[in-house]
Every structure is written in structure tokens, then in C-alpha cells.
């Protein structure tokens, strides 16, 4: 085995491992915020490593420098954290409860709790 094949295999293994960790975190964590964190952080790194291994494979084996794969890596790297932030903030704003053992709530001062529907009508 050539060194580049070992590097490609390592990136592929790391990517698969992080995607597996994201899946386990999605099932394991108790609230939407923890699940979103696990799915976003680990799956983003996993997908980037898998795409990087595909880029290296096609570059080394076939001599194809794929700018599309590099753009896909950049796109995932830039959009996945922003999407997770927007989803978690919107979940917080509509009142999805935190886990009861959550220690810190940084958004409490930015978004006060909403009034109940019955209180607003009166």
C-alpha cells in the first residue's frame, strides 16, 4: 500500500467514525439542543473527512482535480453550523424546553419567556 492510500483510508475511517458518533449522539442526548449539537458537529467533520478522502482518491488515482468536491467541502463547512444555530435559536424562541439538568442558559437574557396563550387573550 502506498502512503497516499493509507492517508485516504484514514480520512475515510475518521469520517465514518464521526458520522457514527453523530448518529449515536442523536439517539442518546435528552433534548433537541444536545441532539442538534451532536448531529451538527460530528457529522459535519465526518462528511468533510469523507469528501476529502474522495477528493484525494480521484486526484491520486485518476489525476482529476475536482473543484466541485472542494466547493462541497467549503459549503458544508460554512452552512452546517449556521443552520444548526438558526434551528436551535428558533427552537428556543418557540419555547422548546431545555433538559432539566441543563446548567447554563445564555439565551435567557436575550429572549424572555413567552406568556401563555390564555394570558395574551385576556
PDB file of N, CA and C in Angstrom:
ATOM      1  N   UNK A   1       0.838  -1.182   0.000  1.00  0.00           N
ATOM      2  CA  UNK A   1       0.000   0.000   0.000  1.00  0.00           C
ATOM      3  C   UNK A   1       0.882   1.244   0.000  1.00  0.00           C
ATOM      4  N   UNK A   2       0.493   2.184  -0.797  1.00  0.00           N
ATOM      5  CA  UNK A   2       1.226   3.440  -0.895  1.00  0.00           C
ATOM      6  C   UNK A   2       0.748   4.365   0.219  1.00  0.00           C
ATOM      7  N   UNK A   3       1.594   5.316   0.578  1.00  0.00           N
ATOM      8  CA  UNK A   3       1.279   6.229   1.672  1.00  0.00           C
ATOM      9  C   UNK A   3      -0.011   7.005   1.434  1.00  0.00           C
ATOM     10  N   UNK A   4      -0.256   7.453   0.208  1.00  0.00           N
ATOM     11  CA  UNK A   4      -1.468   8.231  -0.071  1.00  0.00           C
ATOM     12  C   UNK A   4      -2.716   7.373   0.122  1.00  0.00           C
ATOM     13  N   UNK A   5      -2.626   6.078  -0.180  1.00  0.00           N
ATOM     14  CA  UNK A   5      -3.766   5.186   0.045  1.00  0.00           C
ATOM     15  C   UNK A   5      -4.046   5.020   1.528  1.00  0.00           C
ATOM     16  N   UNK A   6      -2.994   5.016   2.323  1.00  0.00           N
ATOM     17  CA  UNK A   6      -3.172   4.948   3.776  1.00  0.00           C
ATOM     18  C   UNK A   6      -3.833   6.225   4.283  1.00  0.00           C
ATOM     19  N   UNK A   7      -3.405   7.368   3.769  1.00  0.00           N
ATOM     20  CA  UNK A   7      -3.999   8.652   4.170  1.00  0.00           C
ATOM     21  C   UNK A   7      -5.473   8.702   3.772  1.00  0.00           C
ATOM     22  N   UNK A   8      -5.787   8.253   2.559  1.00  0.00           N
ATOM     23  CA  UNK A   8      -7.180   8.221   2.102  1.00  0.00           C
ATOM     24  C   UNK A   8      -8.009   7.312   3.002  1.00  0.00           C
ATOM     25  N   UNK A   9      -7.467   6.158   3.341  1.00  0.00           N
ATOM     26  CA  UNK A   9      -8.180   5.225   4.215  1.00  0.00           C
ATOM     27  C   UNK A   9      -8.395   5.804   5.604  1.00  0.00           C
ATOM     28  N   UNK A  10      -7.402   6.517   6.113  1.00  0.00           N
ATOM     29  CA  UNK A  10      -7.532   7.130   7.440  1.00  0.00           C
ATOM     30  C   UNK A  10      -8.621   8.194   7.434  1.00  0.00           C
ATOM     31  N   UNK A  11      -8.629   9.054   6.403  1.00  0.00           N
ATOM     32  CA  UNK A  11      -9.680  10.071   6.317  1.00  0.00           C
ATOM     33  C   UNK A  11     -11.062   9.431   6.190  1.00  0.00           C
ATOM     34  N   UNK A  12     -11.150   8.363   5.426  1.00  0.00           N
ATOM     35  CA  UNK A  12     -12.422   7.670   5.255  1.00  0.00           C
ATOM     36  C   UNK A  12     -12.884   7.041   6.569  1.00  0.00           C
ATOM     37  N   UNK A  13     -11.963   6.425   7.290  1.00  0.00           N
ATOM     38  CA  UNK A  13     -12.301   5.822   8.578  1.00  0.00           C
ATOM     39  C   UNK A  13     -12.710   6.889   9.590  1.00  0.00           C
ATOM     40  N   UNK A  14     -11.960   7.984   9.666  1.00  0.00           N
ATOM     41  CA  UNK A  14     -12.293   9.064  10.598  1.00  0.00           C
ATOM     42  C   UNK A  14     -13.664   9.649  10.264  1.00  0.00           C
ATOM     43  N   UNK A  15     -13.935   9.848   8.982  1.00  0.00           N
ATOM     44  CA  UNK A  15     -15.232  10.377   8.574  1.00  0.00           C
ATOM     45  C   UNK A  15     -16.376   9.458   8.959  1.00  0.00           C
ATOM     46  N   UNK A  16     -16.215   8.184   8.709  1.00  0.00           N
ATOM     47  CA  UNK A  16     -17.246   7.222   9.094  1.00  0.00           C
ATOM     48  C   UNK A  16     -17.437   7.151  10.594  1.00  0.00           C
ATOM     49  N   UNK A  17     -16.331   7.227  11.338  1.00  0.00           N
ATOM     50  CA  UNK A  17     -16.404   7.187  12.797  1.00  0.00           C
ATOM     51  C   UNK A  17     -17.154   8.397  13.345  1.00  0.00           C
ATOM     52  N   UNK A  18     -16.863   9.586  12.820  1.00  0.00           N
ATOM     53  CA  UNK A  18     -17.552  10.773  13.312  1.00  0.00           C
ATOM     54  C   UNK A  18     -19.025  10.785  12.906  1.00  0.00           C
ATOM     55  N   UNK A  19     -19.340  10.273  11.742  1.00  0.00           N
ATOM     56  CA  UNK A  19     -20.759  10.151  11.366  1.00  0.00           C
ATOM     57  C   UNK A  19     -21.478   9.171  12.287  1.00  0.00           C
ATOM     58  N   UNK A  20     -20.805   8.088  12.659  1.00  0.00           N
ATOM     59  CA  UNK A  20     -21.382   7.143  13.611  1.00  0.00           C
ATOM     60  C   UNK A  20     -21.583   7.796  14.973  1.00  0.00           C
ATOM     61  N   UNK A  21     -20.603   8.579  15.424  1.00  0.00           N
ATOM     62  CA  UNK A  21     -20.751   9.287  16.698  1.00  0.00           C
ATOM     63  C   UNK A  21     -21.919  10.268  16.659  1.00  0.00           C
ATOM     64  N   UNK A  22     -22.096  10.941  15.541  1.00  0.00           N
ATOM     65  CA  UNK A  22     -23.230  11.850  15.403  1.00  0.00           C
ATOM     66  C   UNK A  22     -24.550  11.110  15.489  1.00  0.00           C
ATOM     67  N   UNK A  23     -24.610   9.929  14.908  1.00  0.00           N
ATOM     68  CA  UNK A  23     -25.834   9.125  14.974  1.00  0.00           C
ATOM     69  C   UNK A  23     -26.111   8.655  16.394  1.00  0.00           C
ATOM     70  N   UNK A  24     -25.080   8.235  17.092  1.00  0.00           N
ATOM     71  CA  UNK A  24     -25.248   7.811  18.482  1.00  0.00           C
ATOM     72  C   UNK A  24     -25.681   8.992  19.345  1.00  0.00           C
ATOM     73  N   UNK A  25     -25.075  10.152  19.134  1.00  0.00           N
ATOM     74  CA  UNK A  25     -25.463  11.343  19.886  1.00  0.00           C
ATOM     75  C   UNK A  25     -26.882  11.768  19.603  1.00  0.00           C
ATOM     76  N   UNK A  26     -27.324  11.564  18.382  1.00  0.00           N
ATOM     77  CA  UNK A  26     -28.700  11.892  18.016  1.00  0.00           C
ATOM     78  C   UNK A  26     -29.692  11.023  18.780  1.00  0.00           C
ATOM     79  N   UNK A  27     -29.331   9.787  19.030  1.00  0.00           N
ATOM     80  CA  UNK A  27     -30.209   8.889  19.781  1.00  0.00           C
ATOM     81  C   UNK A  27     -30.025   9.027  21.293  1.00  0.00           C
ATOM     82  N   UNK A  28     -28.859   9.418  21.733  1.00  0.00           N
ATOM     83  CA  UNK A  28     -28.503   9.367  23.146  1.00  0.00           C
ATOM     84  C   UNK A  28     -28.882  10.616  23.934  1.00  0.00           C
ATOM     85  N   UNK A  29     -28.693  11.802  23.364  1.00  0.00           N
ATOM     86  CA  UNK A  29     -28.883  13.030  24.130  1.00  0.00           C
ATOM     87  C   UNK A  29     -30.357  13.297  24.400  1.00  0.00           C
ATOM     88  N   UNK A  30     -30.658  13.933  25.545  1.00  0.00           N
ATOM     89  CA  UNK A  30     -32.047  14.017  26.004  1.00  0.00           C
ATOM     90  C   UNK A  30     -32.896  15.127  25.387  1.00  0.00           C
ATOM     91  N   UNK A  31     -32.306  16.201  24.919  1.00  0.00           N
ATOM     92  CA  UNK A  31     -33.128  17.302  24.407  1.00  0.00           C
ATOM     93  C   UNK A  31     -32.702  17.679  22.991  1.00  0.00           C
ATOM     94  N   UNK A  32     -33.499  18.547  22.394  1.00  0.00           N
ATOM     95  CA  UNK A  32     -33.273  18.909  20.997  1.00  0.00           C
ATOM     96  C   UNK A  32     -31.946  19.640  20.816  1.00  0.00           C
ATOM     97  N   UNK A  33     -31.522  20.380  21.811  1.00  0.00           N
ATOM     98  CA  UNK A  33     -30.293  21.164  21.691  1.00  0.00           C
ATOM     99  C   UNK A  33     -29.058  20.266  21.707  1.00  0.00           C
ATOM    100  N   UNK A  34     -29.028  19.301  22.582  1.00  0.00           N
ATOM    101  CA  UNK A  34     -27.920  18.350  22.609  1.00  0.00           C
ATOM    102  C   UNK A  34     -27.871  17.487  21.365  1.00  0.00           C
ATOM    103  N   UNK A  35     -29.042  17.067  20.917  1.00  0.00           N
ATOM    104  CA  UNK A  35     -29.100  16.254  19.702  1.00  0.00           C
ATOM    105  C   UNK A  35     -28.625  17.036  18.486  1.00  0.00           C
ATOM    106  N   UNK A  36     -29.048  18.277  18.424  1.00  0.00           N
ATOM    107  CA  UNK A  36     -28.627  19.115  17.305  1.00  0.00           C
ATOM    108  C   UNK A  36     -27.122  19.360  17.338  1.00  0.00           C
ATOM    109  N   UNK A  37     -26.587  19.558  18.537  1.00  0.00           N
ATOM    110  CA  UNK A  37     -25.147  19.763  18.681  1.00  0.00           C
ATOM    111  C   UNK A  37     -24.379  18.520  18.228  1.00  0.00           C
ATOM    112  N   UNK A  38     -24.826  17.360  18.690  1.00  0.00           N
ATOM    113  CA  UNK A  38     -24.130  16.122  18.327  1.00  0.00           C
ATOM    114  C   UNK A  38     -24.204  15.859  16.831  1.00  0.00           C
ATOM    115  N   UNK A  39     -25.373  16.070  16.267  1.00  0.00           N
ATOM    116  CA  UNK A  39     -25.535  15.793  14.842  1.00  0.00           C
ATOM    117  C   UNK A  39     -24.740  16.771  13.989  1.00  0.00           C
ATOM    118  N   UNK A  40     -24.705  18.023  14.390  1.00  0.00           N
ATOM    119  CA  UNK A  40     -24.044  19.026  13.561  1.00  0.00           C
ATOM    120  C   UNK A  40     -22.527  18.938  13.655  1.00  0.00           C
ATOM    121  N   UNK A  41     -22.003  18.929  14.846  1.00  0.00           N
ATOM    122  CA  UNK A  41     -20.543  18.986  14.998  1.00  0.00           C
ATOM    123  C   UNK A  41     -19.864  17.741  14.449  1.00  0.00           C
ATOM    124  N   UNK A  42     -20.305  16.590  14.892  1.00  0.00           N
ATOM    125  CA  UNK A  42     -19.599  15.377  14.483  1.00  0.00           C
ATOM    126  C   UNK A  42     -19.909  14.989  13.041  1.00  0.00           C
ATOM    127  N   UNK A  43     -21.151  15.148  12.624  1.00  0.00           N
ATOM    128  CA  UNK A  43     -21.480  14.777  11.246  1.00  0.00           C
ATOM    129  C   UNK A  43     -20.826  15.723  10.245  1.00  0.00           C
ATOM    130  N   UNK A  44     -20.687  16.992  10.600  1.00  0.00           N
ATOM    131  CA  UNK A  44     -20.006  17.929   9.704  1.00  0.00           C
ATOM    132  C   UNK A  44     -18.554  17.514   9.502  1.00  0.00           C
ATOM    133  N   UNK A  45     -17.871  17.208  10.591  1.00  0.00           N
ATOM    134  CA  UNK A  45     -16.484  16.757  10.470  1.00  0.00           C
ATOM    135  C   UNK A  45     -16.408  15.433   9.717  1.00  0.00           C
ATOM    136  N   UNK A  46     -17.358  14.541   9.970  1.00  0.00           N
ATOM    137  CA  UNK A  46     -17.369  13.261   9.274  1.00  0.00           C
ATOM    138  C   UNK A  46     -17.567  13.402   7.779  1.00  0.00           C
ATOM    139  N   UNK A  47     -18.526  14.218   7.386  1.00  0.00           N
ATOM    140  CA  UNK A  47     -18.791  14.417   5.956  1.00  0.00           C
ATOM    141  C   UNK A  47     -17.607  15.096   5.283  1.00  0.00           C
ATOM    142  N   UNK A  48     -17.000  16.057   5.958  1.00  0.00           N
ATOM    143  CA  UNK A  48     -15.835  16.740   5.381  1.00  0.00           C
ATOM    144  C   UNK A  48     -14.677  15.757   5.192  1.00  0.00           C
ATOM    145  N   UNK A  49     -14.438  14.887   6.163  1.00  0.00           N
ATOM    146  CA  UNK A  49     -13.357  13.904   6.021  1.00  0.00           C
ATOM    147  C   UNK A  49     -13.646  12.915   4.893  1.00  0.00           C
ATOM    148  N   UNK A  50     -14.894  12.496   4.754  1.00  0.00           N
ATOM    149  CA  UNK A  50     -15.241  11.569   3.674  1.00  0.00           C
ATOM    150  C   UNK A  50     -15.070  12.242   2.315  1.00  0.00           C
ATOM    151  N   UNK A  51     -15.521  13.494   2.197  1.00  0.00           N
ATOM    152  CA  UNK A  51     -15.353  14.200   0.923  1.00  0.00           C
ATOM    153  C   UNK A  51     -13.883  14.478   0.630  1.00  0.00           C
ATOM    154  N   UNK A  52     -13.099  14.744   1.667  1.00  0.00           N
ATOM    155  CA  UNK A  52     -11.669  14.953   1.467  1.00  0.00           C
ATOM    156  C   UNK A  52     -10.994  13.667   0.994  1.00  0.00           C
ATOM    157  N   UNK A  53     -11.415  12.536   1.539  1.00  0.00           N
ATOM    158  CA  UNK A  53     -10.846  11.271   1.064  1.00  0.00           C
ATOM    159  C   UNK A  53     -11.247  11.002  -0.389  1.00  0.00           C
ATOM    160  N   UNK A  54     -12.477  11.360  -0.770  1.00  0.00           N
ATOM    161  CA  UNK A  54     -12.889  11.208  -2.176  1.00  0.00           C
ATOM    162  C   UNK A  54     -12.071  12.122  -3.076  1.00  0.00           C
ATOM    163  N   UNK A  55     -11.832  13.358  -2.623  1.00  0.00           N
ATOM    164  CA  UNK A  55     -11.012  14.291  -3.398  1.00  0.00           C
ATOM    165  C   UNK A  55      -9.609  13.740  -3.606  1.00  0.00           C
ATOM    166  N   UNK A  56      -8.989  13.250  -2.531  1.00  0.00           N
ATOM    167  CA  UNK A  56      -7.633  12.702  -2.637  1.00  0.00           C
ATOM    168  C   UNK A  56      -7.595  11.458  -3.518  1.00  0.00           C
ATOM    169  N   UNK A  57      -8.615  10.620  -3.408  1.00  0.00           N
ATOM    170  CA  UNK A  57      -8.661   9.408  -4.232  1.00  0.00           C
ATOM    171  C   UNK A  57      -8.701   9.754  -5.720  1.00  0.00           C
ATOM    172  N   UNK A  58      -9.624  10.626  -6.107  1.00  0.00           N
ATOM    173  CA  UNK A  58      -9.737  10.960  -7.527  1.00  0.00           C
ATOM    174  C   UNK A  58      -8.517  11.724  -8.028  1.00  0.00           C
ATOM    175  N   UNK A  59      -7.914  12.518  -7.168  1.00  0.00           N
ATOM    176  CA  UNK A  59      -6.722  13.253  -7.572  1.00  0.00           C
ATOM    177  C   UNK A  59      -5.550  12.295  -7.765  1.00  0.00           C
ATOM    178  N   UNK A  60      -5.391  11.353  -6.835  1.00  0.00           N
ATOM    179  CA  UNK A  60      -4.247  10.453  -6.901  1.00  0.00           C
ATOM    180  C   UNK A  60      -4.439   9.344  -7.933  1.00  0.00           C
ATOM    181  N   UNK A  61      -5.584   8.678  -7.916  1.00  0.00           N
ATOM    182  CA  UNK A  61      -5.785   7.518  -8.785  1.00  0.00           C
ATOM    183  C   UNK A  61      -6.060   7.893 -10.241  1.00  0.00           C
ATOM    184  N   UNK A  62      -6.820   8.966 -10.465  1.00  0.00           N
ATOM    185  CA  UNK A  62      -7.266   9.290 -11.817  1.00  0.00           C
ATOM    186  C   UNK A  62      -6.723  10.618 -12.332  1.00  0.00           C
ATOM    187  N   UNK A  63      -6.024  11.351 -11.498  1.00  0.00           N
ATOM    188  CA  UNK A  63      -5.469  12.630 -11.914  1.00  0.00           C
ATOM    189  C   UNK A  63      -6.510  13.722 -12.099  1.00  0.00           C
ATOM    190  N   UNK A  64      -7.656  13.573 -11.451  1.00  0.00           N
ATOM    191  CA  UNK A  64      -8.744  14.548 -11.585  1.00  0.00           C
ATOM    192  C   UNK A  64      -8.736  15.457 -10.362  1.00  0.00           C
ATOM    193  N   UNK A  65      -8.472  16.730 -10.606  1.00  0.00           N
ATOM    194  CA  UNK A  65      -8.546  17.722  -9.532  1.00  0.00           C
ATOM    195  C   UNK A  65      -9.978  18.243  -9.513  1.00  0.00           C
ATOM    196  N   UNK A  66     -10.764  17.780  -8.568  1.00  0.00           N
ATOM    197  CA  UNK A  66     -12.193  18.089  -8.540  1.00  0.00           C
ATOM    198  C   UNK A  66     -12.456  19.328  -7.689  1.00  0.00           C
ATOM    199  N   UNK A  67     -12.681  20.424  -8.364  1.00  0.00           N
ATOM    200  CA  UNK A  67     -13.040  21.646  -7.660  1.00  0.00           C
ATOM    201  C   UNK A  67     -14.425  21.568  -7.056  1.00  0.00           C
ATOM    202  N   UNK A  68     -15.284  20.717  -7.632  1.00  0.00           N
ATOM    203  CA  UNK A  68     -16.639  20.562  -7.104  1.00  0.00           C
ATOM    204  C   UNK A  68     -16.621  19.960  -5.703  1.00  0.00           C
ATOM    205  N   UNK A  69     -15.742  19.004  -5.485  1.00  0.00           N
ATOM    206  CA  UNK A  69     -15.645  18.407  -4.150  1.00  0.00           C
ATOM    207  C   UNK A  69     -15.114  19.434  -3.161  1.00  0.00           C
ATOM    208  N   UNK A  70     -14.139  20.222  -3.575  1.00  0.00           N
ATOM    209  CA  UNK A  70     -13.625  21.263  -2.682  1.00  0.00           C
ATOM    210  C   UNK A  70     -14.696  22.300  -2.366  1.00  0.00           C
ATOM    211  N   UNK A  71     -15.504  22.657  -3.362  1.00  0.00           N
ATOM    212  CA  UNK A  71     -16.609  23.587  -3.111  1.00  0.00           C
ATOM    213  C   UNK A  71     -17.658  22.968  -2.193  1.00  0.00           C
ATOM    214  N   UNK A  72     -17.898  21.676  -2.335  1.00  0.00           N
ATOM    215  CA  UNK A  72     -18.841  20.995  -1.447  1.00  0.00           C
ATOM    216  C   UNK A  72     -18.323  20.981  -0.014  1.00  0.00           C
ATOM    217  N   UNK A  73     -17.018  20.759   0.154  1.00  0.00           N
ATOM    218  CA  UNK A  73     -16.419  20.804   1.490  1.00  0.00           C
ATOM    219  C   UNK A  73     -16.585  22.189   2.091  1.00  0.00           C
ATOM    220  N   UNK A  74     -16.298  23.215   1.314  1.00  0.00           N
ATOM    221  CA  UNK A  74     -16.452  24.589   1.789  1.00  0.00           C
ATOM    222  C   UNK A  74     -17.910  24.892   2.124  1.00  0.00           C
ATOM    223  N   UNK A  75     -18.830  24.442   1.276  1.00  0.00           N
ATOM    224  CA  UNK A  75     -20.252  24.679   1.504  1.00  0.00           C
ATOM    225  C   UNK A  75     -20.725  24.031   2.802  1.00  0.00           C
ATOM    226  N   UNK A  76     -20.360  22.780   3.028  1.00  0.00           N
ATOM    227  CA  UNK A  76     -20.753  22.090   4.263  1.00  0.00           C
ATOM    228  C   UNK A  76     -20.114  22.762   5.469  1.00  0.00           C
ATOM    229  N   UNK A  77     -18.856  23.144   5.331  1.00  0.00           N
ATOM    230  CA  UNK A  77     -18.135  23.779   6.434  1.00  0.00           C
ATOM    231  C   UNK A  77     -18.772  25.104   6.838  1.00  0.00           C
ATOM    232  N   UNK A  78     -19.292  25.846   5.866  1.00  0.00           N
ATOM    233  CA  UNK A  78     -19.871  27.155   6.161  1.00  0.00           C
ATOM    234  C   UNK A  78     -21.347  27.097   6.538  1.00  0.00           C
ATOM    235  N   UNK A  79     -22.107  26.196   5.956  1.00  0.00           N
ATOM    236  CA  UNK A  79     -23.553  26.239   6.152  1.00  0.00           C
ATOM    237  C   UNK A  79     -24.070  25.382   7.300  1.00  0.00           C
ATOM    238  N   UNK A  80     -23.445  24.270   7.602  1.00  0.00           N
ATOM    239  CA  UNK A  80     -23.968  23.388   8.645  1.00  0.00           C
ATOM    240  C   UNK A  80     -23.990  24.055  10.022  1.00  0.00           C
ATOM    241  N   UNK A  81     -22.933  24.732  10.459  1.00  0.00           N
ATOM    242  CA  UNK A  81     -23.011  25.391  11.770  1.00  0.00           C
ATOM    243  C   UNK A  81     -24.038  26.522  11.816  1.00  0.00           C
ATOM    244  N   UNK A  82     -24.170  27.258  10.723  1.00  0.00           N
ATOM    245  CA  UNK A  82     -25.141  28.356  10.689  1.00  0.00           C
ATOM    246  C   UNK A  82     -26.562  27.802  10.737  1.00  0.00           C
ATOM    247  N   UNK A  83     -26.810  26.733  10.001  1.00  0.00           N
ATOM    248  CA  UNK A  83     -28.136  26.117  10.017  1.00  0.00           C
ATOM    249  C   UNK A  83     -28.470  25.576  11.403  1.00  0.00           C
ATOM    250  N   UNK A  84     -27.504  24.958  12.062  1.00  0.00           N
ATOM    251  CA  UNK A  84     -27.743  24.443  13.413  1.00  0.00           C
ATOM    252  C   UNK A  84     -28.030  25.578  14.389  1.00  0.00           C
ATOM    253  N   UNK A  85     -27.322  26.678  14.253  1.00  0.00           N
ATOM    254  CA  UNK A  85     -27.569  27.831  15.115  1.00  0.00           C
ATOM    255  C   UNK A  85     -28.975  28.372  14.907  1.00  0.00           C
ATOM    256  N   UNK A  86     -29.388  28.499  13.668  1.00  0.00           N
ATOM    257  CA  UNK A  86     -30.727  29.032  13.382  1.00  0.00           C
ATOM    258  C   UNK A  86     -31.824  28.094  13.883  1.00  0.00           C
ATOM    259  N   UNK A  87     -31.631  26.799  13.710  1.00  0.00           N
ATOM    260  CA  UNK A  87     -32.628  25.837  14.183  1.00  0.00           C
ATOM    261  C   UNK A  87     -32.711  25.857  15.703  1.00  0.00           C
ATOM    262  N   UNK A  88     -31.563  25.903  16.379  1.00  0.00           N
ATOM    263  CA  UNK A  88     -31.592  25.901  17.844  1.00  0.00           C
ATOM    264  C   UNK A  88     -32.161  27.200  18.398  1.00  0.00           C
ATOM    265  N   UNK A  89     -31.859  28.327  17.785  1.00  0.00           N
ATOM    266  CA  UNK A  89     -32.438  29.596  18.249  1.00  0.00           C
ATOM    267  C   UNK A  89     -33.940  29.631  18.027  1.00  0.00           C
ATOM    268  N   UNK A  90     -34.390  29.134  16.893  1.00  0.00           N
ATOM    269  CA  UNK A  90     -35.832  29.132  16.659  1.00  0.00           C
ATOM    270  C   UNK A  90     -36.532  28.167  17.614  1.00  0.00           C
ATOM    271  N   UNK A  91     -35.895  27.041  17.933  1.00  0.00           N
ATOM    272  CA  UNK A  91     -36.472  26.125  18.921  1.00  0.00           C
ATOM    273  C   UNK A  91     -36.557  26.799  20.286  1.00  0.00           C
ATOM    274  N   UNK A  92     -35.545  27.557  20.638  1.00  0.00           N
ATOM    275  CA  UNK A  92     -35.555  28.258  21.922  1.00  0.00           C
ATOM    276  C   UNK A  92     -36.646  29.324  21.947  1.00  0.00           C
ATOM    277  N   UNK A  93     -36.793  30.032  20.846  1.00  0.00           N
ATOM    278  CA  UNK A  93     -37.773  31.127  20.794  1.00  0.00           C
ATOM    279  C   UNK A  93     -39.212  30.636  20.839  1.00  0.00           C
ATOM    280  N   UNK A  94     -39.474  29.462  20.305  1.00  0.00           N
ATOM    281  CA  UNK A  94     -40.843  28.945  20.378  1.00  0.00           C
ATOM    282  C   UNK A  94     -41.111  28.215  21.682  1.00  0.00           C
ATOM    283  N   UNK A  95     -40.098  28.089  22.515  1.00  0.00           N
ATOM    284  CA  UNK A  95     -40.303  27.560  23.858  1.00  0.00           C
ATOM    285  C   UNK A  95     -40.016  26.088  24.047  1.00  0.00           C
ATOM    286  N   UNK A  96     -39.205  25.499  23.203  1.00  0.00           N
ATOM    287  CA  UNK A  96     -38.815  24.104  23.413  1.00  0.00           C
ATOM    288  C   UNK A  96     -37.979  24.050  24.688  1.00  0.00           C
ATOM    289  N   UNK A  97     -38.394  23.244  25.667  1.00  0.00           N
ATOM    290  CA  UNK A  97     -37.710  23.274  26.965  1.00  0.00           C
ATOM    291  C   UNK A  97     -36.307  22.675  26.910  1.00  0.00           C
ATOM    292  N   UNK A  98     -35.454  23.228  27.766  1.00  0.00           N
ATOM    293  CA  UNK A  98     -34.121  22.664  27.959  1.00  0.00           C
ATOM    294  C   UNK A  98     -34.239  21.416  28.824  1.00  0.00           C
ATOM    295  N   UNK A  99     -33.219  20.602  28.809  1.00  0.00           N
ATOM    296  CA  UNK A  99     -33.167  19.438  29.684  1.00  0.00           C
ATOM    297  C   UNK A  99     -33.145  19.934  31.116  1.00  0.00           C
ATOM    298  N   UNK A 100     -33.788  19.217  32.028  1.00  0.00           N
ATOM    299  CA  UNK A 100     -33.892  19.696  33.415  1.00  0.00           C
ATOM    300  C   UNK A 100     -32.545  19.802  34.114  1.00  0.00           C
ATOM    301  N   UNK A 101     -31.527  19.105  33.657  1.00  0.00           N
ATOM    302  CA  UNK A 101     -30.203  19.188  34.270  1.00  0.00           C
ATOM    303  C   UNK A 101     -29.271  20.147  33.540  1.00  0.00           C
ATOM    304  N   UNK A 102     -29.821  20.977  32.659  1.00  0.00           N
ATOM    305  CA  UNK A 102     -29.012  21.971  31.966  1.00  0.00           C
ATOM    306  C   UNK A 102     -28.508  22.991  32.970  1.00  0.00           C
ATOM    307  N   UNK A 103     -27.223  23.284  32.932  1.00  0.00           N
ATOM    308  CA  UNK A 103     -26.598  24.150  33.920  1.00  0.00           C
ATOM    309  C   UNK A 103     -26.634  25.611  33.501  1.00  0.00           C
ATOM    310  N   UNK A 104     -26.434  25.899  32.246  1.00  0.00           N
ATOM    311  CA  UNK A 104     -26.258  27.275  31.795  1.00  0.00           C
ATOM    312  C   UNK A 104     -27.228  27.583  30.663  1.00  0.00           C
ATOM    313  N   UNK A 105     -27.871  28.751  30.748  1.00  0.00           N
ATOM    314  CA  UNK A 105     -28.807  29.202  29.722  1.00  0.00           C
ATOM    315  C   UNK A 105     -28.418  30.616  29.321  1.00  0.00           C
ATOM    316  N   UNK A 106     -27.581  30.733  28.293  1.00  0.00           N
ATOM    317  CA  UNK A 106     -27.086  32.043  27.866  1.00  0.00           C
ATOM    318  C   UNK A 106     -28.135  32.873  27.145  1.00  0.00           C
ATOM    319  N   UNK A 107     -29.162  32.254  26.625  1.00  0.00           N
ATOM    320  CA  UNK A 107     -30.165  32.986  25.864  1.00  0.00           C
ATOM    321  C   UNK A 107     -31.305  33.524  26.724  1.00  0.00           C
ATOM    322  N   UNK A 108     -31.295  33.220  28.008  1.00  0.00           N
ATOM    323  CA  UNK A 108     -32.387  33.650  28.881  1.00  0.00           C
ATOM    324  C   UNK A 108     -32.515  35.166  28.920  1.00  0.00           C
ATOM    325  N   UNK A 109     -31.399  35.876  28.906  1.00  0.00           N
ATOM    326  CA  UNK A 109     -31.463  37.338  28.951  1.00  0.00           C
ATOM    327  C   UNK A 109     -31.852  37.929  27.600  1.00  0.00           C
ATOM    328  N   UNK A 110     -31.558  37.238  26.519  1.00  0.00           N
ATOM    329  CA  UNK A 110     -31.890  37.750  25.185  1.00  0.00           C
ATOM    330  C   UNK A 110     -33.345  37.509  24.806  1.00  0.00           C
ATOM    331  N   UNK A 111     -33.874  36.368  25.211  1.00  0.00           N
ATOM    332  CA  UNK A 111     -35.243  36.005  24.862  1.00  0.00           C
ATOM    333  C   UNK A 111     -36.011  35.683  26.140  1.00  0.00           C
ATOM    334  N   UNK A 112     -36.773  36.639  26.665  1.00  0.00           N
ATOM    335  CA  UNK A 112     -37.548  36.344  27.878  1.00  0.00           C
ATOM    336  C   UNK A 112     -38.614  35.292  27.585  1.00  0.00           C
ATOM    337  N   UNK A 113     -39.048  34.565  28.616  1.00  0.00           N
ATOM    338  CA  UNK A 113     -40.052  33.519  28.386  1.00  0.00           C
ATOM    339  C   UNK A 113     -41.344  34.107  27.832  1.00  0.00           C
ATOM    340  N   UNK A 114     -41.986  33.360  26.948  1.00  0.00           N
ATOM    341  CA  UNK A 114     -43.235  33.826  26.347  1.00  0.00           C
ATOM    342  C   UNK A 114     -44.381  33.638  27.325  1.00  0.00           C
ATOM    343  N   UNK A 115     -45.366  34.521  27.217  1.00  0.00           N
ATOM    344  CA  UNK A 115     -46.567  34.391  28.030  1.00  0.00           C
ATOM    345  C   UNK A 115     -47.426  33.272  27.458  1.00  0.00           C
ATOM    346  N   UNK A 116     -48.260  32.715  28.319  1.00  0.00           N
ATOM    347  CA  UNK A 116     -49.167  31.663  27.884  1.00  0.00           C
ATOM    348  C   UNK A 116     -50.215  32.235  26.943  1.00  0.00           C
ATOM    349  N   UNK A 117     -50.796  31.406  26.119  1.00  0.00           N
ATOM    350  CA  UNK A 117     -51.811  31.833  25.164  1.00  0.00           C
ATOM    351  C   UNK A 117     -53.034  32.402  25.876  1.00  0.00           C
ATOM    352  N   UNK A 118     -53.423  31.801  27.003  1.00  0.00           N
ATOM    353  CA  UNK A 118     -54.618  32.273  27.711  1.00  0.00           C
ATOM    354  C   UNK A 118     -54.388  33.652  28.324  1.00  0.00           C
ATOM    355  N   UNK A 119     -53.180  33.953  28.744  1.00  0.00           N
ATOM    356  CA  UNK A 119     -52.877  35.260  29.323  1.00  0.00           C
ATOM    357  C   UNK A 119     -52.901  36.353  28.267  1.00  0.00           C
ATOM    358  N   UNK A 120     -52.505  36.034  27.032  1.00  0.00           N
ATOM    359  CA  UNK A 120     -52.467  37.033  25.975  1.00  0.00           C
ATOM    360  C   UNK A 120     -53.866  37.440  25.537  1.00  0.00           C
ATOM    361  N   UNK A 121     -54.827  36.522  25.592  1.00  0.00           N
ATOM    362  CA  UNK A 121     -56.182  36.814  25.150  1.00  0.00           C
ATOM    363  C   UNK A 121     -56.933  37.687  26.144  1.00  0.00           C
ATOM    364  N   UNK A 122     -56.582  37.655  27.410  1.00  0.00           N
ATOM    365  CA  UNK A 122     -57.312  38.414  28.428  1.00  0.00           C
ATOM    366  C   UNK A 122     -56.968  39.841  28.427  1.00  0.00           C
TER     367      UNK A 122
END
